[in-house]
Amino acid sequence: MVNAKLFVIDYTLHGQPKSFIIRLEKLDMPEAWHWASCDAGVGRIGRFAREQVKKTSQLQAEQFGIENVQWRCSGGQL
């Protein structure tokens, strides 16, 4: 993770606002939905760095009450 950046992911879980910071090389909306579901206890995180895990989709996450996922770089990083 030489090129890793800090990202802030905001979302709501059953109407309650949630937020967390994650270090990744890149982030897009599908990835943000997956990590929001992991933070909410719904998605799965692989045990090993190379383990391929099926990502949680927006539709799957919404079925568990996750909504309004947004993300941004932390601290003005680009």
PDB file of N, CA and C in Angstrom:
ATOM      1  N   MET A   1       0.824  -1.196   0.000  1.00  0.00           N
ATOM      2  CA  MET A   1       0.000   0.000   0.000  1.00  0.00           C
ATOM      3  C   MET A   1       0.863   1.252   0.000  1.00  0.00           C
ATOM      4  N   VAL A   2       1.782   1.312  -0.900  1.00  0.00           N
ATOM      5  CA  VAL A   2       2.684   2.449  -0.989  1.00  0.00           C
ATOM      6  C   VAL A   2       1.921   3.723  -1.336  1.00  0.00           C
ATOM      7  N   ASN A   3       0.946   3.622  -2.227  1.00  0.00           N
ATOM      8  CA  ASN A   3       0.182   4.792  -2.670  1.00  0.00           C
ATOM      9  C   ASN A   3      -1.136   4.948  -1.923  1.00  0.00           C
ATOM     10  N   ALA A   4      -1.258   4.389  -0.746  1.00  0.00           N
ATOM     11  CA  ALA A   4      -2.515   4.419  -0.003  1.00  0.00           C
ATOM     12  C   ALA A   4      -2.836   5.831   0.463  1.00  0.00           C
ATOM     13  N   LYS A   5      -4.133   6.115   0.464  1.00  0.00           N
ATOM     14  CA  LYS A   5      -4.649   7.400   0.927  1.00  0.00           C
ATOM     15  C   LYS A   5      -5.707   7.147   1.993  1.00  0.00           C
ATOM     16  N   LEU A   6      -5.997   8.154   2.771  1.00  0.00           N
ATOM     17  CA  LEU A   6      -7.069   8.059   3.758  1.00  0.00           C
ATOM     18  C   LEU A   6      -8.356   8.599   3.157  1.00  0.00           C
ATOM     19  N   PHE A   7      -9.427   7.854   3.318  1.00  0.00           N
ATOM     20  CA  PHE A   7     -10.743   8.257   2.836  1.00  0.00           C
ATOM     21  C   PHE A   7     -11.727   8.230   3.993  1.00  0.00           C
ATOM     22  N   VAL A   8     -12.675   9.144   3.979  1.00  0.00           N
ATOM     23  CA  VAL A   8     -13.768   9.171   4.947  1.00  0.00           C
ATOM     24  C   VAL A   8     -15.014   8.664   4.233  1.00  0.00           C
ATOM     25  N   ILE A   9     -15.671   7.673   4.806  1.00  0.00           N
ATOM     26  CA  ILE A   9     -16.919   7.153   4.254  1.00  0.00           C
ATOM     27  C   ILE A   9     -18.027   7.469   5.250  1.00  0.00           C
ATOM     28  N   ASP A  10     -19.042   8.184   4.772  1.00  0.00           N
ATOM     29  CA  ASP A  10     -20.223   8.535   5.571  1.00  0.00           C
ATOM     30  C   ASP A  10     -21.410   7.753   5.023  1.00  0.00           C
ATOM     31  N   TYR A  11     -22.272   7.295   5.901  1.00  0.00           N
ATOM     32  CA  TYR A  11     -23.474   6.581   5.477  1.00  0.00           C
ATOM     33  C   TYR A  11     -24.490   6.625   6.614  1.00  0.00           C
ATOM     34  N   THR A  12     -25.691   6.172   6.355  1.00  0.00           N
ATOM     35  CA  THR A  12     -26.683   6.034   7.412  1.00  0.00           C
ATOM     36  C   THR A  12     -27.059   4.556   7.529  1.00  0.00           C
ATOM     37  N   LEU A  13     -27.267   4.127   8.762  1.00  0.00           N
ATOM     38  CA  LEU A  13     -27.673   2.759   9.059  1.00  0.00           C
ATOM     39  C   LEU A  13     -28.964   2.846   9.856  1.00  0.00           C
ATOM     40  N   HIS A  14     -30.060   2.438   9.246  1.00  0.00           N
ATOM     41  CA  HIS A  14     -31.394   2.542   9.853  1.00  0.00           C
ATOM     42  C   HIS A  14     -31.650   3.971  10.327  1.00  0.00           C
ATOM     43  N   GLY A  15     -31.237   4.941   9.506  1.00  0.00           N
ATOM     44  CA  GLY A  15     -31.488   6.350   9.793  1.00  0.00           C
ATOM     45  C   GLY A  15     -30.468   7.023  10.693  1.00  0.00           C
ATOM     46  N   GLN A  16     -29.544   6.266  11.258  1.00  0.00           N
ATOM     47  CA  GLN A  16     -28.524   6.828  12.145  1.00  0.00           C
ATOM     48  C   GLN A  16     -27.246   7.112  11.356  1.00  0.00           C
ATOM     49  N   PRO A  17     -26.713   8.333  11.451  1.00  0.00           N
ATOM     50  CA  PRO A  17     -25.491   8.651  10.701  1.00  0.00           C
ATOM     51  C   PRO A  17     -24.279   7.903  11.250  1.00  0.00           C
ATOM     52  N   LYS A  18     -23.459   7.409  10.357  1.00  0.00           N
ATOM     53  CA  LYS A  18     -22.223   6.695  10.691  1.00  0.00           C
ATOM     54  C   LYS A  18     -21.108   7.251   9.825  1.00  0.00           C
ATOM     55  N   SER A  19     -19.881   7.133  10.305  1.00  0.00           N
ATOM     56  CA  SER A  19     -18.732   7.615   9.564  1.00  0.00           C
ATOM     57  C   SER A  19     -17.488   6.860  10.021  1.00  0.00           C
ATOM     58  N   PHE A  20     -16.563   6.620   9.100  1.00  0.00           N
ATOM     59  CA  PHE A  20     -15.302   5.990   9.464  1.00  0.00           C
ATOM     60  C   PHE A  20     -14.235   6.367   8.444  1.00  0.00           C
ATOM     61  N   ILE A  21     -12.992   6.144   8.808  1.00  0.00           N
ATOM     62  CA  ILE A  21     -11.857   6.437   7.948  1.00  0.00           C
ATOM     63  C   ILE A  21     -11.207   5.115   7.552  1.00  0.00           C
ATOM     64  N   ILE A  22     -10.820   5.025   6.293  1.00  0.00           N
ATOM     65  CA  ILE A  22     -10.188   3.803   5.784  1.00  0.00           C
ATOM     66  C   ILE A  22      -8.991   4.183   4.917  1.00  0.00           C
ATOM     67  N   ARG A  23      -7.963   3.356   4.941  1.00  0.00           N
ATOM     68  CA  ARG A  23      -6.768   3.577   4.120  1.00  0.00           C
ATOM     69  C   ARG A  23      -6.806   2.608   2.942  1.00  0.00           C
ATOM     70  N   LEU A  24      -6.881   3.166   1.738  1.00  0.00           N
ATOM     71  CA  LEU A  24      -6.921   2.377   0.501  1.00  0.00           C
ATOM     72  C   LEU A  24      -6.107   3.089  -0.580  1.00  0.00           C
ATOM     73  N   GLU A  25      -5.725   2.349  -1.601  1.00  0.00           N
ATOM     74  CA  GLU A  25      -5.026   2.968  -2.723  1.00  0.00           C
ATOM     75  C   GLU A  25      -5.986   3.767  -3.589  1.00  0.00           C
ATOM     76  N   LYS A  26      -7.213   3.256  -3.771  1.00  0.00           N
ATOM     77  CA  LYS A  26      -8.220   3.980  -4.544  1.00  0.00           C
ATOM     78  C   LYS A  26      -9.596   3.607  -4.009  1.00  0.00           C
ATOM     79  N   LEU A  27     -10.566   4.468  -4.276  1.00  0.00           N
ATOM     80  CA  LEU A  27     -11.927   4.232  -3.794  1.00  0.00           C
ATOM     81  C   LEU A  27     -12.896   4.738  -4.839  1.00  0.00           C
ATOM     82  N   ASP A  28     -13.957   3.979  -5.067  1.00  0.00           N
ATOM     83  CA  ASP A  28     -15.046   4.411  -5.936  1.00  0.00           C
ATOM     84  C   ASP A  28     -16.355   4.049  -5.221  1.00  0.00           C
ATOM     85  N   MET A  29     -17.489   4.376  -5.833  1.00  0.00           N
ATOM     86  CA  MET A  29     -18.766   4.155  -5.150  1.00  0.00           C
ATOM     87  C   MET A  29     -19.044   2.677  -4.846  1.00  0.00           C
ATOM     88  N   PRO A  30     -18.848   1.739  -5.773  1.00  0.00           N
ATOM     89  CA  PRO A  30     -19.100   0.336  -5.406  1.00  0.00           C
ATOM     90  C   PRO A  30     -18.234  -0.122  -4.226  1.00  0.00           C
ATOM     91  N   GLU A  31     -16.979   0.308  -4.224  1.00  0.00           N
ATOM     92  CA  GLU A  31     -16.082  -0.049  -3.129  1.00  0.00           C
ATOM     93  C   GLU A  31     -16.533   0.602  -1.817  1.00  0.00           C
ATOM     94  N   ALA A  32     -17.008   1.849  -1.900  1.00  0.00           N
ATOM     95  CA  ALA A  32     -17.492   2.557  -0.710  1.00  0.00           C
ATOM     96  C   ALA A  32     -18.715   1.856  -0.116  1.00  0.00           C
ATOM     97  N   TRP A  33     -19.624   1.399  -0.980  1.00  0.00           N
ATOM     98  CA  TRP A  33     -20.798   0.664  -0.483  1.00  0.00           C
ATOM     99  C   TRP A  33     -20.363  -0.622   0.219  1.00  0.00           C
ATOM    100  N   HIS A  34     -19.386  -1.313  -0.361  1.00  0.00           N
ATOM    101  CA  HIS A  34     -18.905  -2.546   0.266  1.00  0.00           C
ATOM    102  C   HIS A  34     -18.308  -2.261   1.640  1.00  0.00           C
ATOM    103  N   TRP A  35     -17.435  -1.244   1.745  1.00  0.00           N
ATOM    104  CA  TRP A  35     -16.786  -0.954   3.025  1.00  0.00           C
ATOM    105  C   TRP A  35     -17.776  -0.412   4.053  1.00  0.00           C
ATOM    106  N   ALA A  36     -18.786   0.318   3.604  1.00  0.00           N
ATOM    107  CA  ALA A  36     -19.831   0.770   4.535  1.00  0.00           C
ATOM    108  C   ALA A  36     -20.575  -0.438   5.096  1.00  0.00           C
ATOM    109  N   SER A  37     -20.834  -1.426   4.248  1.00  0.00           N
ATOM    110  CA  SER A  37     -21.522  -2.631   4.738  1.00  0.00           C
ATOM    111  C   SER A  37     -20.633  -3.413   5.705  1.00  0.00           C
ATOM    112  N   CYS A  38     -19.327  -3.402   5.474  1.00  0.00           N
ATOM    113  CA  CYS A  38     -18.405  -4.060   6.413  1.00  0.00           C
ATOM    114  C   CYS A  38     -18.420  -3.341   7.757  1.00  0.00           C
ATOM    115  N   ASP A  39     -18.395  -2.008   7.725  1.00  0.00           N
ATOM    116  CA  ASP A  39     -18.431  -1.230   8.961  1.00  0.00           C
ATOM    117  C   ASP A  39     -19.731  -1.476   9.724  1.00  0.00           C
ATOM    118  N   ALA A  40     -20.818  -1.684   8.980  1.00  0.00           N
ATOM    119  CA  ALA A  40     -22.122  -1.926   9.606  1.00  0.00           C
ATOM    120  C   ALA A  40     -22.276  -3.366  10.092  1.00  0.00           C
ATOM    121  N   GLY A  41     -21.314  -4.228   9.793  1.00  0.00           N
ATOM    122  CA  GLY A  41     -21.380  -5.617  10.236  1.00  0.00           C
ATOM    123  C   GLY A  41     -22.088  -6.545   9.274  1.00  0.00           C
ATOM    124  N   VAL A  42     -22.321  -6.085   8.052  1.00  0.00           N
ATOM    125  CA  VAL A  42     -23.035  -6.884   7.062  1.00  0.00           C
ATOM    126  C   VAL A  42     -22.074  -7.516   6.065  1.00  0.00           C
ATOM    127  N   GLY A  43     -21.120  -6.738   5.565  1.00  0.00           N
ATOM    128  CA  GLY A  43     -20.179  -7.217   4.552  1.00  0.00           C
ATOM    129  C   GLY A  43     -19.095  -8.076   5.167  1.00  0.00           C
ATOM    130  N   ARG A  44     -18.370  -8.754   4.298  1.00  0.00           N
ATOM    131  CA  ARG A  44     -17.315  -9.662   4.739  1.00  0.00           C
ATOM    132  C   ARG A  44     -15.952  -9.107   4.354  1.00  0.00           C
ATOM    133  N   ILE A  45     -15.022  -9.175   5.278  1.00  0.00           N
ATOM    134  CA  ILE A  45     -13.637  -8.784   5.046  1.00  0.00           C
ATOM    135  C   ILE A  45     -12.818 -10.068   4.998  1.00  0.00           C
ATOM    136  N   GLY A  46     -11.970 -10.186   3.988  1.00  0.00           N
ATOM    137  CA  GLY A  46     -11.147 -11.387   3.848  1.00  0.00           C
ATOM    138  C   GLY A  46     -10.172 -11.538   5.006  1.00  0.00           C
ATOM    139  N   ARG A  47      -9.848 -12.765   5.335  1.00  0.00           N
ATOM    140  CA  ARG A  47      -8.906 -13.029   6.425  1.00  0.00           C
ATOM    141  C   ARG A  47      -7.472 -12.744   6.030  1.00  0.00           C
ATOM    142  N   PHE A  48      -7.182 -12.930   4.768  1.00  0.00           N
ATOM    143  CA  PHE A  48      -5.821 -12.735   4.281  1.00  0.00           C
ATOM    144  C   PHE A  48      -5.851 -11.672   3.195  1.00  0.00           C
ATOM    145  N   ALA A  49      -4.753 -10.976   3.011  1.00  0.00           N
ATOM    146  CA  ALA A  49      -4.699  -9.878   2.042  1.00  0.00           C
ATOM    147  C   ALA A  49      -5.062 -10.337   0.628  1.00  0.00           C
ATOM    148  N   ARG A  50      -4.699 -11.542   0.273  1.00  0.00           N
ATOM    149  CA  ARG A  50      -4.942 -12.014  -1.092  1.00  0.00           C
ATOM    150  C   ARG A  50      -6.241 -12.796  -1.241  1.00  0.00           C
ATOM    151  N   GLU A  51      -6.980 -12.980  -0.170  1.00  0.00           N
ATOM    152  CA  GLU A  51      -8.241 -13.714  -0.261  1.00  0.00           C
ATOM    153  C   GLU A  51      -9.260 -12.888  -1.033  1.00  0.00           C
ATOM    154  N   GLN A  52      -9.833 -13.474  -2.061  1.00  0.00           N
ATOM    155  CA  GLN A  52     -10.839 -12.799  -2.866  1.00  0.00           C
ATOM    156  C   GLN A  52     -12.204 -12.960  -2.198  1.00  0.00           C
ATOM    157  N   VAL A  53     -12.807 -11.827  -1.850  1.00  0.00           N
ATOM    158  CA  VAL A  53     -14.104 -11.823  -1.171  1.00  0.00           C
ATOM    159  C   VAL A  53     -15.121 -11.172  -2.097  1.00  0.00           C
ATOM    160  N   LYS A  54     -16.311 -11.749  -2.187  1.00  0.00           N
ATOM    161  CA  LYS A  54     -17.368 -11.149  -2.989  1.00  0.00           C
ATOM    162  C   LYS A  54     -17.807  -9.844  -2.323  1.00  0.00           C
ATOM    163  N   LYS A  55     -17.761  -8.764  -3.083  1.00  0.00           N
ATOM    164  CA  LYS A  55     -18.103  -7.442  -2.565  1.00  0.00           C
ATOM    165  C   LYS A  55     -19.607  -7.324  -2.354  1.00  0.00           C
ATOM    166  N   THR A  56     -20.002  -6.597  -1.328  1.00  0.00           N
ATOM    167  CA  THR A  56     -21.408  -6.320  -1.064  1.00  0.00           C
ATOM    168  C   THR A  56     -21.851  -5.200  -1.986  1.00  0.00           C
ATOM    169  N   SER A  57     -22.919  -5.419  -2.737  1.00  0.00           N
ATOM    170  CA  SER A  57     -23.413  -4.416  -3.680  1.00  0.00           C
ATOM    171  C   SER A  57     -24.293  -3.388  -2.964  1.00  0.00           C
ATOM    172  N   GLN A  58     -24.579  -2.307  -3.675  1.00  0.00           N
ATOM    173  CA  GLN A  58     -25.462  -1.278  -3.125  1.00  0.00           C
ATOM    174  C   GLN A  58     -26.834  -1.868  -2.811  1.00  0.00           C
ATOM    175  N   LEU A  59     -27.370  -2.660  -3.703  1.00  0.00           N
ATOM    176  CA  LEU A  59     -28.684  -3.270  -3.497  1.00  0.00           C
ATOM    177  C   LEU A  59     -28.696  -4.165  -2.263  1.00  0.00           C
ATOM    178  N   GLN A  60     -27.658  -4.981  -2.098  1.00  0.00           N
ATOM    179  CA  GLN A  60     -27.576  -5.848  -0.923  1.00  0.00           C
ATOM    180  C   GLN A  60     -27.465  -5.014   0.353  1.00  0.00           C
ATOM    181  N   ALA A  61     -26.647  -3.975   0.319  1.00  0.00           N
ATOM    182  CA  ALA A  61     -26.453  -3.127   1.493  1.00  0.00           C
ATOM    183  C   ALA A  61     -27.756  -2.423   1.875  1.00  0.00           C
ATOM    184  N   GLU A  62     -28.495  -1.947   0.876  1.00  0.00           N
ATOM    185  CA  GLU A  62     -29.756  -1.255   1.149  1.00  0.00           C
ATOM    186  C   GLU A  62     -30.769  -2.185   1.810  1.00  0.00           C
ATOM    187  N   GLN A  63     -30.712  -3.473   1.511  1.00  0.00           N
ATOM    188  CA  GLN A  63     -31.621  -4.437   2.133  1.00  0.00           C
ATOM    189  C   GLN A  63     -31.369  -4.560   3.631  1.00  0.00           C
ATOM    190  N   PHE A  64     -30.175  -4.184   4.084  1.00  0.00           N
ATOM    191  CA  PHE A  64     -29.835  -4.231   5.505  1.00  0.00           C
ATOM    192  C   PHE A  64     -29.924  -2.862   6.169  1.00  0.00           C
ATOM    193  N   GLY A  65     -30.514  -1.868   5.484  1.00  0.00           N
ATOM    194  CA  GLY A  65     -30.737  -0.562   6.090  1.00  0.00           C
ATOM    195  C   GLY A  65     -29.618   0.445   5.900  1.00  0.00           C
ATOM    196  N   ILE A  66     -28.690   0.165   5.007  1.00  0.00           N
ATOM    197  CA  ILE A  66     -27.595   1.100   4.729  1.00  0.00           C
ATOM    198  C   ILE A  66     -28.024   2.016   3.591  1.00  0.00           C
ATOM    199  N   GLU A  67     -27.859   3.322   3.785  1.00  0.00           N
ATOM    200  CA  GLU A  67     -28.261   4.306   2.779  1.00  0.00           C
ATOM    201  C   GLU A  67     -27.271   5.454   2.742  1.00  0.00           C
ATOM    202  N   ASN A  68     -27.424   6.292   1.725  1.00  0.00           N
ATOM    203  CA  ASN A  68     -26.702   7.574   1.621  1.00  0.00           C
ATOM    204  C   ASN A  68     -25.192   7.439   1.770  1.00  0.00           C
ATOM    205  N   VAL A  69     -24.598   6.466   1.117  1.00  0.00           N
ATOM    206  CA  VAL A  69     -23.144   6.290   1.201  1.00  0.00           C
ATOM    207  C   VAL A  69     -22.460   7.384   0.381  1.00  0.00           C
ATOM    208  N   GLN A  70     -21.543   8.087   1.016  1.00  0.00           N
ATOM    209  CA  GLN A  70     -20.739   9.123   0.365  1.00  0.00           C
ATOM    210  C   GLN A  70     -19.312   8.967   0.855  1.00  0.00           C
ATOM    211  N   TRP A  71     -18.366   9.412   0.045  1.00  0.00           N
ATOM    212  CA  TRP A  71     -16.964   9.316   0.462  1.00  0.00           C
ATOM    213  C   TRP A  71     -16.195  10.529  -0.013  1.00  0.00           C
ATOM    214  N   ARG A  72     -15.071  10.784   0.643  1.00  0.00           N
ATOM    215  CA  ARG A  72     -14.196  11.900   0.292  1.00  0.00           C
ATOM    216  C   ARG A  72     -12.794  11.580   0.809  1.00  0.00           C
ATOM    217  N   CYS A  73     -11.809  12.265   0.245  1.00  0.00           N
ATOM    218  CA  CYS A  73     -10.453  12.141   0.745  1.00  0.00           C
ATOM    219  C   CYS A  73     -10.358  12.835   2.093  1.00  0.00           C
ATOM    220  N   SER A  74      -9.607  12.261   2.993  1.00  0.00           N
ATOM    221  CA  SER A  74      -9.430  12.834   4.317  1.00  0.00           C
ATOM    222  C   SER A  74      -8.299  13.859   4.292  1.00  0.00           C
ATOM    223  N   GLY A  75      -8.483  14.970   4.954  1.00  0.00           N
ATOM    224  CA  GLY A  75      -7.433  15.956   5.112  1.00  0.00           C
ATOM    225  C   GLY A  75      -6.942  16.599   3.837  1.00  0.00           C
ATOM    226  N   GLY A  76      -7.781  16.670   2.816  1.00  0.00           N
ATOM    227  CA  GLY A  76      -7.420  17.334   1.585  1.00  0.00           C
ATOM    228  C   GLY A  76      -6.458  16.559   0.699  1.00  0.00           C
ATOM    229  N   GLN A  77      -6.270  15.263   0.958  1.00  0.00           N
ATOM    230  CA  GLN A  77      -5.400  14.439   0.113  1.00  0.00           C
ATOM    231  C   GLN A  77      -6.049  14.235  -1.241  1.00  0.00           C
ATOM    232  N   LEU A  78      -5.240  14.119  -2.278  1.00  0.00           N
ATOM    233  CA  LEU A  78      -5.769  13.832  -3.619  1.00  0.00           C
ATOM    234  C   LEU A  78      -5.253  12.517  -4.111  1.00  0.00           C
TER     235      LEU A  78
END
